[in-house]
Amino acid sequence: MLMHIVHKHSSSSKYTCKRIFSETMEGVSSAAIEVLVQNLINLFRDEYSLFRGLDEDAQQLQRTLGTIQAYLNDAEKKSITQDSVKIWLRELEDVAFDADNVLDELSYHLLHKRVKKMKTPKGKDKVLSCFSSFNGILHRRDMAHTIKQINDTFERMNKRATDLGIQSMVVNAPAAVAHTSIETDSISLDPIFVGRDDDVPKLVHMLTQTLPRERMFSILALVGMGGMGKTTLTRKVFNHESLKARFGSLIWVHVSQTFDPISLFNKIYSTLTSNTGDRVEIKEVILKRLKEVLKSKTYILVLDDVWNEDVSMWEDFINSMSGVTSTMGNSILITTRSEKVASIVHPFHIHHLNGLSDEESWSIIKGKTFDENGEVPSGFEMIGKKIAKRCKGLPLAANIVGGVLRGKSEEEWHIINEKWLSDAEGGENISKILKLSFDHLSSSSLKKCFTFCSVFPKGRTIVKEGLIELWMAEGFLQPSQRDDMESVGDMFFNVLLQNSLLQVADKDEYGNVSECAMHDLVHDLASSVVSNNAGGSIVVGYKFVEEESSPIPKNVAKHLRTLFLKGGIPEIVNLPKWIGKLHHLQTLRACWELENLPSTLKYMFNLRHLHIYSRTKLPAEIGRLTNLQTLPHFRVGKEKGYQIEELGSLKNLKGSVEIQDLEMVHDKEEALKANIFQKPKLFDLAYYVE
């Protein structure tokens, strides 16, 4: 699935979804495609034999998706500059998007067919259709035509690419070069140093007084988002007189994205000897030189801007440094944007750098804009403080906007406050610094999850659980043999936190992050990535419903993964039976207390998360929903379909479950049918007896 962005109209509860192209495309797993297409082939053989050759077309569709995925994966690793290639790749992504939708519809058809087989003609659970002209998925002929059309389109594109030599352009394109940060040093002066007066003495004291001198070296990590002033603070600490008195040698090395031990050893050696001669490529040789130059010396080594997350590479570096060091009581200070990087170096302390206050941001802007000790006109000060608030505590933003404001009129200050900085005025410089964190994300799926967060308004607190469910709805989370979608989503969420692209807003009683937020300037980054990759097709992965009678169109139902029931006037108190037609639905979230859930809920085989209040009455046979993971409560009843045994087949339940009316369970034998001990992910279980 590709990404969808939601725009809410201020005057109504309706939402429109605009498809967003990702910078790269990561297709559904080949194994999943293979299984789905094989089911499709069998389906046509069983029921649609009049369409001869359709099974071959379905197999060709599978090959088409595989080939497209290979093209796009190759292109992702290259630096593509030709417009013709970019257009062709964009069209390729369109074809993959259409093919994915066909597979989605066919999967829906298989599920719908399964439901029809389960129901009897006179059964009371006959689904009441509330869909617009809902008479099946697509007509067979339409589906056959669509599959042929996709395959034909791809063949035409392939021929055009061959004629124009596009494939060879992709193959021969140079490898993509990651943007790197500007090299830092310990010498440059920072004329404006604001808001870190408490941090400097604290870090200096740690490095000079509290380090255990019986250890060869101790590591301190300084962590903060891009533009937070880590280098500026480290430079201030590095040049402090107490450090010069404590350590024999002070070494500053800028690391950046590429963690190359040989290169680092050469930089350390050059810094110690002022020898900028030829780089030594042989590890043995450079380490012998380092050992000689570090003999009997204590040192502090600053590794500025570290991105390396490879534990073995870090351990190799540390082991080498241990081999060339002959003294005790040395120190290594690293700066990084990533919590993960900080954790793998095993520091004795991690120092988190927080944002500046609005007043401190205004001090930076004032210092950059007006002469020192000069008067600030009242009109400028009032609007300047508003601009300082827009910096959201980021020193980089305050420095850049301060430079832009210098010499401008009050009217121009008002414009910048209202519209912020254009790229030409310096907005691009802020984005470039922050985008390094985005570029460093390991997969395109993870990048999609990040950019998706721009659907939330600036300043909005985001519930972690709901965010992961939305990522699932968009198809960004592909399960593996080891991890289900929720586990992948949890990993992605933590990576975004660790890289300061999301920030912790709240934690639960167990200390786990439950809510997050996004810095306004990071939100701007996510929005800019989205707008640079916008397309025009409409597909909805999630929907907000506020009225009980709100129809869900057929084209929406086929793709729907998440349904939010929002409290309107009047509120929905009973869900209609057509809810059972949402065969792909994974998450149903009610924002208030429903009275009943319909009997057709048992046909929603893909339902994984059911968020309801404790008094909502569940339908019979909830045990059929074997994918269910979230079930807040279960009320035991006398009749078949309401008994405790319904929990027995729900092996994936996790989190907390409240079991009500436990007195309805007659004996131990009946209680064991719930298989509670076979649900390892349940950590909170409550029982209630009348």
Foldseek 3Di string as FASTA:
>chain_A
DFDWFWDQDPPDRFIFIFTFHFPFDADFDLVVLVVLLVVVLVVCVVPVVVPPPLNVLSVLLSVLLVVLNVLRVLLVFFDDDDPVLVVLNLVSVVLNVLSVVLSLLSVLQVLVVVVVVVDDPPDPLPFDALADPPDGRDDPVVSSVSSVVSSVVSVVSVVVCVVVVSSVCSVPGHTDDADKDDWDDLPDDDPDDFDCPVVQVVVLCCLQPVFDQVAAEFEEEEAAAFLQCPRVSVSSNLPDPSQVVRWVEEAEDEQIDDHDLQVVLQRRLCRLVVDPDDRDPDPVVSLVSLLVSQPPTAYEYEHEEDDDLDLVSLVVNVVSVVVSHDGGSHYYYYYYHFPSVVVSNPHPYYHYRDFGDLVRLLVLLCPLADPPVDDDPPLCSVLSSLVSVLCVRRNSLSNLVSPLCHPDDSVVSVVCSVPNDDVVSPLVVLLVRNCSLLVPDDDSLLSSLLLNVLSDDAPDKAFLVVSLLVSVLSVSFHADPVGDSVRSSVVSVNRCCRSLQKDQDDADPVRHGGIIHGRPSSSVSSVVSRVVRTDGDGADSEGEDADQSDHDYSRHLSSYAEYEHDHDVPGAQEHRSNVLSSQNHAYYAYPDAHQEYDQSVLSNQNHAAYHHDPNYHYHFLPLSNQNHAHDAEAEADQDHRRHLLSLQSNLNHAEEYEYEQPVSQPDPVSNCSNVPVSNVRHDYYHYYHD
